[in-house]
Amino acid sequence: MKIFRRTAALLLTAAIAAVSLFSCNEKQSSAGTGELKVTFIDTGKADAMLLQSETANVVIDCGEKGDGKKICKLLEESETDTIDYLIITHFDKDHVGGAAKLIKSFNVRNVLTPNYDGTVDEYEKYKSALAEKSITPMKLTEDVSFTLDGIDYTVYAPKKTFYGENDENDFSLVTKVVHNKNTLLFTGDAMEQRLDEIMDIGTCTLLKVPYHGRKLDNIAEFLNAVKPKCCVVCTSSGEFSGKIQEALKKTGAATYATCFNGNITAVSDGKQIKIDTEKGSSL
């Protein structure tokens, strides 16, 4: 895969934690022998993740307004002008906020979203950016699968058209990435109803913890179902529930949070996943 440059300061200050993990999933992709690099970008309480393989780039969520610049910087450092898939899990401002910047700055080949209309200003800017580039998003009403560099992606659409008044979180798209023996699961802001829908999604090697680590009544049941070996939480310290921290510790999974570790990088070689952090170690 491409070589990703880091600044000298980062090399001097980064504290590195490495975790070697083996997937317990039965499903394995038939190819995908290269690396998959996932960067969980520190955007406060927002979500922004960049997935990069040998020739492909996938972005899952874009943080808040202004956070698009952070994703752009990482893509520019890897000398690419293309985003193969932009997946916006739902239209809260801390997920769609930086989307307009990315759409204007890069060649975005595919945009996947849930099938509803947002209400925040950032959503309107995202729509305007799509119109300027003549991009029609895929508003998912059913699951979609695709393969990039031998890595299998499945994006799970919400199963309902209504989850409750003024609650968009349960519309969150959920993405499962299978890289040979490793399975990575990205859950957006899925809350109780949405977690019930994906309770049978299968086990995973790495879990992006749902809803920024806030308290969810069925999170213990969900963690027991997916049995992660490693967890990453995109959150601020004020959002990260102490009860969720305890639930994560009980799983025995190594857990990292952007509020404590800064940018978090997970590199899968198809057999193991290594975690690098800007600072600190797992919880």
C-alpha atoms as a PDB file:
ATOM      1  CA  MET A   1       0.000   0.000   0.000  1.00  0.00           C
ATOM      2  CA  LYS A   2       1.034   3.639  -0.190  1.00  0.00           C
ATOM      3  CA  ILE A   3       3.524   5.017   2.303  1.00  0.00           C
ATOM      4  CA  PHE A   4       1.926   7.399   4.776  1.00  0.00           C
ATOM      5  CA  ARG A   5       4.226  10.162   5.995  1.00  0.00           C
ATOM      6  CA  ARG A   6       4.243  11.417   9.572  1.00  0.00           C
ATOM      7  CA  THR A   7       5.758  14.573  10.924  1.00  0.00           C
ATOM      8  CA  ALA A   8       8.977  14.451  12.911  1.00  0.00           C
ATOM      9  CA  ALA A   9       7.142  15.782  15.941  1.00  0.00           C
ATOM     10  CA  LEU A  10       4.648  12.960  15.820  1.00  0.00           C
ATOM     11  CA  LEU A  11       7.416  10.396  15.567  1.00  0.00           C
ATOM     12  CA  LEU A  12       9.057  11.884  18.629  1.00  0.00           C
ATOM     13  CA  THR A  13       5.929  12.160  20.760  1.00  0.00           C
ATOM     14  CA  ALA A  14       3.770   9.232  19.690  1.00  0.00           C
ATOM     15  CA  ALA A  15       3.265   6.493  22.207  1.00  0.00           C
ATOM     16  CA  ILE A  16       2.780   3.239  20.335  1.00  0.00           C
ATOM     17  CA  ALA A  17       0.587   0.394  21.489  1.00  0.00           C
ATOM     18  CA  ALA A  18       0.505  -2.821  19.440  1.00  0.00           C
ATOM     19  CA  VAL A  19      -2.169  -5.474  19.624  1.00  0.00           C
ATOM     20  CA  SER A  20      -1.988  -8.669  17.556  1.00  0.00           C
ATOM     21  CA  LEU A  21      -5.442 -10.102  17.064  1.00  0.00           C
ATOM     22  CA  PHE A  22      -6.956 -13.088  15.311  1.00  0.00           C
ATOM     23  CA  SER A  23     -10.499 -13.043  13.979  1.00  0.00           C
ATOM     24  CA  CYS A  24     -12.921 -15.629  15.274  1.00  0.00           C
ATOM     25  CA  ASN A  25     -15.329 -15.043  12.384  1.00  0.00           C
ATOM     26  CA  GLU A  26     -16.068 -17.928  10.053  1.00  0.00           C
ATOM     27  CA  LYS A  27     -16.304 -15.673   7.012  1.00  0.00           C
ATOM     28  CA  GLN A  28     -13.006 -14.752   5.403  1.00  0.00           C
ATOM     29  CA  SER A  29     -12.393 -12.781   2.226  1.00  0.00           C
ATOM     30  CA  SER A  30     -10.657 -14.837  -0.433  1.00  0.00           C
ATOM     31  CA  ALA A  31      -8.100 -12.164  -1.316  1.00  0.00           C
ATOM     32  CA  GLY A  32      -7.080  -8.984   0.493  1.00  0.00           C
ATOM     33  CA  THR A  33      -3.474  -9.961   1.087  1.00  0.00           C
ATOM     34  CA  GLY A  34      -2.283  -6.330   1.276  1.00  0.00           C
ATOM     35  CA  GLU A  35      -2.721  -4.030   4.263  1.00  0.00           C
ATOM     36  CA  LEU A  36      -5.800  -2.141   5.367  1.00  0.00           C
ATOM     37  CA  LYS A  37      -5.098   1.010   7.352  1.00  0.00           C
ATOM     38  CA  VAL A  38      -7.855   2.662   9.379  1.00  0.00           C
ATOM     39  CA  THR A  39      -7.338   6.086  10.925  1.00  0.00           C
ATOM     40  CA  PHE A  40      -9.787   7.106  13.647  1.00  0.00           C
ATOM     41  CA  ILE A  41      -9.378  10.866  13.560  1.00  0.00           C
ATOM     42  CA  ASP A  42      -9.546  12.825  16.791  1.00  0.00           C
ATOM     43  CA  THR A  43     -12.461  15.192  16.158  1.00  0.00           C
ATOM     44  CA  GLY A  44     -13.693  15.643  19.714  1.00  0.00           C
ATOM     45  CA  LYS A  45     -17.055  13.960  20.189  1.00  0.00           C
ATOM     46  CA  ALA A  46     -17.560  13.478  16.433  1.00  0.00           C
ATOM     47  CA  ASP A  47     -16.913  10.494  14.133  1.00  0.00           C
ATOM     48  CA  ALA A  48     -14.441  10.568  11.231  1.00  0.00           C
ATOM     49  CA  MET A  49     -12.644   7.499   9.904  1.00  0.00           C
ATOM     50  CA  LEU A  50     -10.437   6.941   6.870  1.00  0.00           C
ATOM     51  CA  LEU A  51      -9.913   3.419   5.534  1.00  0.00           C
ATOM     52  CA  GLN A  52      -7.043   2.959   3.061  1.00  0.00           C
ATOM     53  CA  SER A  53      -5.944  -0.150   1.211  1.00  0.00           C
ATOM     54  CA  GLU A  54      -3.505  -0.607  -1.660  1.00  0.00           C
ATOM     55  CA  THR A  55      -5.465   1.399  -4.236  1.00  0.00           C
ATOM     56  CA  ALA A  56      -8.691   2.443  -2.490  1.00  0.00           C
ATOM     57  CA  ASN A  57      -9.950   5.013   0.011  1.00  0.00           C
ATOM     58  CA  VAL A  58     -13.162   4.815   2.038  1.00  0.00           C
ATOM     59  CA  VAL A  59     -14.367   7.528   4.417  1.00  0.00           C
ATOM     60  CA  ILE A  60     -16.919   6.755   7.108  1.00  0.00           C
ATOM     61  CA  ASP A  61     -18.362   9.991   8.513  1.00  0.00           C
ATOM     62  CA  CYS A  62     -16.752  13.411   8.357  1.00  0.00           C
ATOM     63  CA  GLY A  63     -16.879  14.939  11.816  1.00  0.00           C
ATOM     64  CA  GLU A  64     -18.248  18.423  12.397  1.00  0.00           C
ATOM     65  CA  LYS A  65     -17.859  21.544  10.295  1.00  0.00           C
ATOM     66  CA  GLY A  66     -14.142  22.187   9.889  1.00  0.00           C
ATOM     67  CA  ASP A  67     -13.142  18.562  10.493  1.00  0.00           C
ATOM     68  CA  GLY A  68     -13.174  17.883   6.764  1.00  0.00           C
ATOM     69  CA  LYS A  69      -9.774  19.595   6.614  1.00  0.00           C
ATOM     70  CA  LYS A  70      -8.270  16.888   8.820  1.00  0.00           C
ATOM     71  CA  ILE A  71      -9.455  14.136   6.482  1.00  0.00           C
ATOM     72  CA  CYS A  72      -8.285  16.109   3.451  1.00  0.00           C
ATOM     73  CA  LYS A  73      -4.824  16.425   4.962  1.00  0.00           C
ATOM     74  CA  LEU A  74      -4.493  12.668   5.442  1.00  0.00           C
ATOM     75  CA  LEU A  75      -5.618  12.006   1.871  1.00  0.00           C
ATOM     76  CA  GLU A  76      -3.263  14.628   0.487  1.00  0.00           C
ATOM     77  CA  GLU A  77      -0.363  13.103   2.423  1.00  0.00           C
ATOM     78  CA  SER A  78      -1.081   9.772   0.734  1.00  0.00           C
ATOM     79  CA  GLU A  79      -1.026  11.514  -2.651  1.00  0.00           C
ATOM     80  CA  THR A  80      -4.504  10.580  -3.797  1.00  0.00           C
ATOM     81  CA  ASP A  81      -7.304  12.589  -5.374  1.00  0.00           C
ATOM     82  CA  THR A  82     -10.049   9.977  -5.076  1.00  0.00           C
ATOM     83  CA  ILE A  83     -12.462   8.728  -2.436  1.00  0.00           C
ATOM     84  CA  ASP A  84     -13.980   5.470  -3.667  1.00  0.00           C
ATOM     85  CA  TYR A  85     -16.791   5.426  -1.124  1.00  0.00           C
ATOM     86  CA  LEU A  86     -18.011   8.154   1.209  1.00  0.00           C
ATOM     87  CA  ILE A  87     -20.294   6.552   3.797  1.00  0.00           C
ATOM     88  CA  ILE A  88     -22.299   8.952   5.931  1.00  0.00           C
ATOM     89  CA  THR A  89     -23.927   6.919   8.666  1.00  0.00           C
ATOM     90  CA  HIS A  90     -26.608   9.542   9.383  1.00  0.00           C
ATOM     91  CA  PHE A  91     -27.085  13.283   9.138  1.00  0.00           C
ATOM     92  CA  ASP A  92     -26.295  14.612  12.606  1.00  0.00           C
ATOM     93  CA  LYS A  93     -23.871  17.522  12.337  1.00  0.00           C
ATOM     94  CA  ASP A  94     -21.049  15.584  14.008  1.00  0.00           C
ATOM     95  CA  HIS A  95     -21.122  13.015  11.189  1.00  0.00           C
ATOM     96  CA  VAL A  96     -22.010  15.000   8.047  1.00  0.00           C
ATOM     97  CA  GLY A  97     -20.271  18.242   9.077  1.00  0.00           C
ATOM     98  CA  GLY A  98     -17.101  17.897   6.978  1.00  0.00           C
ATOM     99  CA  ALA A  99     -18.722  16.159   4.006  1.00  0.00           C
ATOM    100  CA  ALA A 100     -19.075  19.258   1.818  1.00  0.00           C
ATOM    101  CA  LYS A 101     -15.337  19.970   2.108  1.00  0.00           C
ATOM    102  CA  LEU A 102     -14.426  16.442   1.001  1.00  0.00           C
ATOM    103  CA  ILE A 103     -16.870  16.425  -1.889  1.00  0.00           C
ATOM    104  CA  LYS A 104     -15.543  19.745  -3.175  1.00  0.00           C
ATOM    105  CA  SER A 105     -11.884  18.737  -2.749  1.00  0.00           C
ATOM    106  CA  PHE A 106     -11.789  15.160  -4.095  1.00  0.00           C
ATOM    107  CA  ASN A 107     -13.147  12.916  -6.781  1.00  0.00           C
ATOM    108  CA  VAL A 108     -15.855  11.106  -4.815  1.00  0.00           C
ATOM    109  CA  ARG A 109     -17.012   8.067  -6.777  1.00  0.00           C
ATOM    110  CA  ASN A 110     -19.803   6.789  -4.529  1.00  0.00           C
ATOM    111  CA  VAL A 111     -21.805   8.263  -1.654  1.00  0.00           C
ATOM    112  CA  LEU A 112     -23.843   5.987   0.618  1.00  0.00           C
ATOM    113  CA  THR A 113     -26.376   7.351   3.131  1.00  0.00           C
ATOM    114  CA  PRO A 114     -29.531   6.230   4.918  1.00  0.00           C
ATOM    115  CA  ASN A 115     -32.803   7.050   3.171  1.00  0.00           C
ATOM    116  CA  TYR A 116     -34.026  10.173   4.933  1.00  0.00           C
ATOM    117  CA  ASP A 117     -33.431  13.931   4.825  1.00  0.00           C
ATOM    118  CA  GLY A 118     -31.368  15.783   7.397  1.00  0.00           C
ATOM    119  CA  THR A 119     -32.351  19.030   9.092  1.00  0.00           C
ATOM    120  CA  VAL A 120     -29.057  20.675  10.090  1.00  0.00           C
ATOM    121  CA  ASP A 121     -27.241  23.383   8.108  1.00  0.00           C
ATOM    122  CA  GLU A 122     -24.331  21.031   7.455  1.00  0.00           C
ATOM    123  CA  TYR A 123     -26.690  18.694   5.610  1.00  0.00           C
ATOM    124  CA  GLU A 124     -27.771  21.515   3.304  1.00  0.00           C
ATOM    125  CA  LYS A 125     -24.133  22.329   2.536  1.00  0.00           C
ATOM    126  CA  TYR A 126     -23.506  18.650   1.821  1.00  0.00           C
ATOM    127  CA  LYS A 127     -26.453  18.623  -0.613  1.00  0.00           C
ATOM    128  CA  SER A 128     -25.174  21.748  -2.353  1.00  0.00           C
ATOM    129  CA  ALA A 129     -21.709  20.217  -2.746  1.00  0.00           C
ATOM    130  CA  LEU A 130     -23.251  17.085  -4.287  1.00  0.00           C
ATOM    131  CA  ALA A 131     -25.234  19.221  -6.743  1.00  0.00           C
ATOM    132  CA  GLU A 132     -22.125  21.183  -7.753  1.00  0.00           C
ATOM    133  CA  LYS A 133     -20.331  17.923  -8.564  1.00  0.00           C
ATOM    134  CA  SER A 134     -23.431  16.286 -10.126  1.00  0.00           C
ATOM    135  CA  ILE A 135     -23.203  13.389  -7.649  1.00  0.00           C
ATOM    136  CA  THR A 136     -26.292  11.348  -6.830  1.00  0.00           C
ATOM    137  CA  PRO A 137     -25.988   9.565  -3.473  1.00  0.00           C
ATOM    138  CA  MET A 138     -27.221   6.015  -2.930  1.00  0.00           C
ATOM    139  CA  LYS A 139     -29.915   6.274  -0.242  1.00  0.00           C
ATOM    140  CA  LEU A 140     -29.948   2.767   1.131  1.00  0.00           C
ATOM    141  CA  THR A 141     -33.153   0.900   1.807  1.00  0.00           C
ATOM    142  CA  GLU A 142     -31.407  -2.471   1.710  1.00  0.00           C
ATOM    143  CA  ASP A 143     -27.916  -3.772   2.435  1.00  0.00           C
ATOM    144  CA  VAL A 144     -25.139  -3.169  -0.094  1.00  0.00           C
ATOM    145  CA  SER A 145     -21.858  -5.067  -0.578  1.00  0.00           C
ATOM    146  CA  PHE A 146     -18.728  -4.228  -2.549  1.00  0.00           C
ATOM    147  CA  THR A 147     -15.098  -5.323  -2.707  1.00  0.00           C
ATOM    148  CA  LEU A 148     -11.993  -3.120  -2.898  1.00  0.00           C
ATOM    149  CA  ASP A 149      -8.489  -4.595  -3.142  1.00  0.00           C
ATOM    150  CA  GLY A 150      -9.902  -7.989  -2.151  1.00  0.00           C
ATOM    151  CA  ILE A 151     -11.436  -6.545   1.032  1.00  0.00           C
ATOM    152  CA  ASP A 152     -15.170  -7.174   1.454  1.00  0.00           C
ATOM    153  CA  TYR A 153     -17.460  -4.369   2.628  1.00  0.00           C
ATOM    154  CA  THR A 154     -21.105  -4.773   3.635  1.00  0.00           C
ATOM    155  CA  VAL A 155     -23.152  -1.705   4.525  1.00  0.00           C
ATOM    156  CA  TYR A 156     -26.285  -2.537   6.502  1.00  0.00           C
ATOM    157  CA  ALA A 157     -29.307  -0.285   5.997  1.00  0.00           C
ATOM    158  CA  PRO A 158     -31.746   0.503   8.821  1.00  0.00           C
ATOM    159  CA  LYS A 159     -34.719  -1.873   8.892  1.00  0.00           C
ATOM    160  CA  LYS A 160     -37.323   0.715   9.871  1.00  0.00           C
ATOM    161  CA  THR A 161     -38.522   4.009   8.415  1.00  0.00           C
ATOM    162  CA  PHE A 162     -39.338   5.439  11.846  1.00  0.00           C
ATOM    163  CA  TYR A 163     -37.562   4.984  15.189  1.00  0.00           C
ATOM    164  CA  GLY A 164     -39.046   7.824  17.217  1.00  0.00           C
ATOM    165  CA  GLU A 165     -39.523  11.579  17.149  1.00  0.00           C
ATOM    166  CA  ASN A 166     -36.377  13.686  16.646  1.00  0.00           C
ATOM    167  CA  ASP A 167     -34.016  10.706  16.830  1.00  0.00           C
ATOM    168  CA  GLU A 168     -31.832  10.086  13.800  1.00  0.00           C
ATOM    169  CA  ASN A 169     -29.223   7.903  15.492  1.00  0.00           C
ATOM    170  CA  ASP A 170     -30.999   4.617  14.830  1.00  0.00           C
ATOM    171  CA  PHE A 171     -30.939   5.333  11.090  1.00  0.00           C
ATOM    172  CA  SER A 172     -27.158   4.817  11.283  1.00  0.00           C
ATOM    173  CA  LEU A 173     -25.639   2.751   8.511  1.00  0.00           C
ATOM    174  CA  VAL A 174     -23.488  -0.056   9.939  1.00  0.00           C
ATOM    175  CA  THR A 175     -20.436  -1.174   7.961  1.00  0.00           C
ATOM    176  CA  LYS A 176     -18.712  -4.550   8.267  1.00  0.00           C
ATOM    177  CA  VAL A 177     -15.287  -4.916   6.676  1.00  0.00           C
ATOM    178  CA  VAL A 178     -13.813  -8.395   6.227  1.00  0.00           C
ATOM    179  CA  HIS A 179     -10.076  -8.482   5.527  1.00  0.00           C
ATOM    180  CA  ASN A 180      -9.138 -12.154   5.344  1.00  0.00           C
ATOM    181  CA  LYS A 181      -9.218 -13.310   9.017  1.00  0.00           C
ATOM    182  CA  ASN A 182      -9.957  -9.859  10.443  1.00  0.00           C
ATOM    183  CA  THR A 183     -13.429  -8.327  10.697  1.00  0.00           C
ATOM    184  CA  LEU A 184     -13.906  -4.649  11.504  1.00  0.00           C
ATOM    185  CA  LEU A 185     -17.311  -3.298  12.522  1.00  0.00           C
ATOM    186  CA  PHE A 186     -18.316   0.374  12.340  1.00  0.00           C
ATOM    187  CA  THR A 187     -21.601   1.163  14.099  1.00  0.00           C
ATOM    188  CA  GLY A 188     -22.167   4.916  13.753  1.00  0.00           C
ATOM    189  CA  ASP A 189     -24.506   6.211  16.444  1.00  0.00           C
ATOM    190  CA  ALA A 190     -26.605   3.048  16.632  1.00  0.00           C
ATOM    191  CA  MET A 191     -28.749   3.099  19.757  1.00  0.00           C
ATOM    192  CA  GLU A 192     -30.860   0.381  21.381  1.00  0.00           C
ATOM    193  CA  GLN A 193     -33.307  -0.283  18.534  1.00  0.00           C
ATOM    194  CA  ARG A 194     -30.581  -0.351  15.899  1.00  0.00           C
ATOM    195  CA  LEU A 195     -28.331  -2.566  18.014  1.00  0.00           C
ATOM    196  CA  ASP A 196     -31.200  -5.028  18.332  1.00  0.00           C
ATOM    197  CA  GLU A 197     -31.370  -5.099  14.525  1.00  0.00           C
ATOM    198  CA  ILE A 198     -27.703  -6.031  14.159  1.00  0.00           C
ATOM    199  CA  MET A 199     -27.363  -8.258  17.225  1.00  0.00           C
ATOM    200  CA  ASP A 200     -26.781 -11.237  14.902  1.00  0.00           C
ATOM    201  CA  ILE A 201     -24.210  -9.518  12.674  1.00  0.00           C
ATOM    202  CA  GLY A 202     -21.462 -11.881  13.834  1.00  0.00           C
ATOM    203  CA  THR A 203     -18.252 -11.544  15.801  1.00  0.00           C
ATOM    204  CA  CYS A 204     -15.554  -9.018  15.019  1.00  0.00           C
ATOM    205  CA  THR A 205     -11.889  -8.366  15.599  1.00  0.00           C
ATOM    206  CA  LEU A 206     -12.215  -4.582  15.949  1.00  0.00           C
ATOM    207  CA  LEU A 207     -15.342  -2.680  16.981  1.00  0.00           C
ATOM    208  CA  LYS A 208     -15.952   1.038  16.573  1.00  0.00           C
ATOM    209  CA  VAL A 209     -18.085   1.456  19.689  1.00  0.00           C
ATOM    210  CA  PRO A 210     -21.527   2.936  18.922  1.00  0.00           C
ATOM    211  CA  TYR A 211     -22.826   6.357  19.935  1.00  0.00           C
ATOM    212  CA  HIS A 212     -19.502   7.813  21.140  1.00  0.00           C
ATOM    213  CA  GLY A 213     -19.396   5.551  24.182  1.00  0.00           C
ATOM    214  CA  ARG A 214     -22.590   6.925  25.700  1.00  0.00           C
ATOM    215  CA  LYS A 215     -24.752   4.674  27.864  1.00  0.00           C
ATOM    216  CA  LEU A 216     -26.979   2.207  26.016  1.00  0.00           C
ATOM    217  CA  ASP A 217     -29.233  -0.261  27.835  1.00  0.00           C
ATOM    218  CA  ASN A 218     -28.326  -3.233  25.610  1.00  0.00           C
ATOM    219  CA  ILE A 219     -24.637  -2.505  25.062  1.00  0.00           C
ATOM    220  CA  ALA A 220     -23.504  -5.398  27.282  1.00  0.00           C
ATOM    221  CA  GLU A 221     -25.680  -7.802  25.295  1.00  0.00           C
ATOM    222  CA  PHE A 222     -24.299  -6.390  22.040  1.00  0.00           C
ATOM    223  CA  LEU A 223     -20.682  -6.672  23.187  1.00  0.00           C
ATOM    224  CA  ASN A 224     -21.317 -10.262  24.233  1.00  0.00           C
ATOM    225  CA  ALA A 225     -22.764 -10.979  20.784  1.00  0.00           C
ATOM    226  CA  VAL A 226     -19.969  -9.443  18.668  1.00  0.00           C
ATOM    227  CA  LYS A 227     -17.107 -10.411  21.023  1.00  0.00           C
ATOM    228  CA  PRO A 228     -14.564  -7.777  19.919  1.00  0.00           C
ATOM    229  CA  LYS A 229     -10.865  -8.301  20.534  1.00  0.00           C
ATOM    230  CA  CYS A 230     -10.207  -4.552  20.271  1.00  0.00           C
ATOM    231  CA  CYS A 231     -12.497  -1.512  20.648  1.00  0.00           C
ATOM    232  CA  VAL A 232     -12.124   2.095  19.510  1.00  0.00           C
ATOM    233  CA  VAL A 233     -14.306   4.933  20.784  1.00  0.00           C
ATOM    234  CA  CYS A 234     -14.544   8.259  18.936  1.00  0.00           C
ATOM    235  CA  THR A 235     -15.523  10.596  21.748  1.00  0.00           C
ATOM    236  CA  SER A 236     -14.740  13.432  24.123  1.00  0.00           C
ATOM    237  CA  SER A 237     -14.037  12.720  27.767  1.00  0.00           C
ATOM    238  CA  GLY A 238     -17.362  14.262  28.767  1.00  0.00           C
ATOM    239  CA  GLU A 239     -19.305  11.928  26.463  1.00  0.00           C
ATOM    240  CA  PHE A 240     -17.562   8.661  27.379  1.00  0.00           C
ATOM    241  CA  SER A 241     -19.796   6.981  29.964  1.00  0.00           C
ATOM    242  CA  GLY A 242     -18.058   5.435  32.959  1.00  0.00           C
ATOM    243  CA  LYS A 243     -20.534   2.534  32.822  1.00  0.00           C
ATOM    244  CA  ILE A 244     -19.614   1.901  29.184  1.00  0.00           C
ATOM    245  CA  GLN A 245     -15.933   1.968  30.098  1.00  0.00           C
ATOM    246  CA  GLU A 246     -16.592  -0.692  32.702  1.00  0.00           C
ATOM    247  CA  ALA A 247     -18.608  -2.781  30.233  1.00  0.00           C
ATOM    248  CA  LEU A 248     -15.764  -2.596  27.719  1.00  0.00           C
ATOM    249  CA  LYS A 249     -13.205  -3.617  30.341  1.00  0.00           C
ATOM    250  CA  LYS A 250     -15.303  -6.660  31.229  1.00  0.00           C
ATOM    251  CA  THR A 251     -14.992  -7.928  27.646  1.00  0.00           C
ATOM    252  CA  GLY A 252     -11.215  -8.133  28.029  1.00  0.00           C
ATOM    253  CA  ALA A 253     -10.845  -6.258  24.740  1.00  0.00           C
ATOM    254  CA  ALA A 254      -8.094  -3.673  24.436  1.00  0.00           C
ATOM    255  CA  THR A 255      -9.942  -0.349  24.294  1.00  0.00           C
ATOM    256  CA  TYR A 256      -8.763   2.983  22.875  1.00  0.00           C
ATOM    257  CA  ALA A 257     -10.515   6.363  22.822  1.00  0.00           C
ATOM    258  CA  THR A 258      -9.679   9.452  20.790  1.00  0.00           C
ATOM    259  CA  CYS A 259     -10.232  11.653  23.853  1.00  0.00           C
ATOM    260  CA  PHE A 260      -7.350   9.873  25.607  1.00  0.00           C
ATOM    261  CA  ASN A 261      -5.218   8.624  22.700  1.00  0.00           C
ATOM    262  CA  GLY A 262      -5.618  11.275  19.975  1.00  0.00           C
ATOM    263  CA  ASN A 263      -5.577   9.874  16.434  1.00  0.00           C
ATOM    264  CA  ILE A 264      -5.744   6.084  16.511  1.00  0.00           C
ATOM    265  CA  THR A 265      -4.428   3.975  13.632  1.00  0.00           C
ATOM    266  CA  ALA A 266      -5.332   0.323  13.132  1.00  0.00           C
ATOM    267  CA  VAL A 267      -3.373  -1.618  10.501  1.00  0.00           C
ATOM    268  CA  SER A 268      -4.670  -5.032   9.434  1.00  0.00           C
ATOM    269  CA  ASP A 269      -2.485  -7.419   7.461  1.00  0.00           C
ATOM    270  CA  GLY A 270      -5.350  -9.870   7.163  1.00  0.00           C
ATOM    271  CA  LYS A 271      -4.172 -11.934  10.121  1.00  0.00           C
ATOM    272  CA  GLN A 272      -3.343  -9.428  12.845  1.00  0.00           C
ATOM    273  CA  ILE A 273      -4.283  -5.870  13.712  1.00  0.00           C
ATOM    274  CA  LYS A 274      -1.723  -3.466  15.106  1.00  0.00           C
ATOM    275  CA  ILE A 275      -2.867  -0.334  16.921  1.00  0.00           C
ATOM    276  CA  ASP A 276      -0.766   2.845  16.963  1.00  0.00           C
ATOM    277  CA  THR A 277      -1.789   5.888  18.998  1.00  0.00           C
ATOM    278  CA  GLU A 278      -0.549   9.469  19.200  1.00  0.00           C
ATOM    279  CA  LYS A 279      -0.449   9.267  22.968  1.00  0.00           C
ATOM    280  CA  GLY A 280      -1.146   6.896  25.808  1.00  0.00           C
ATOM    281  CA  SER A 281      -2.123   3.243  25.752  1.00  0.00           C
ATOM    282  CA  SER A 282      -5.329   1.251  25.991  1.00  0.00           C
ATOM    283  CA  LEU A 283      -7.716   1.791  28.891  1.00  0.00           C
END
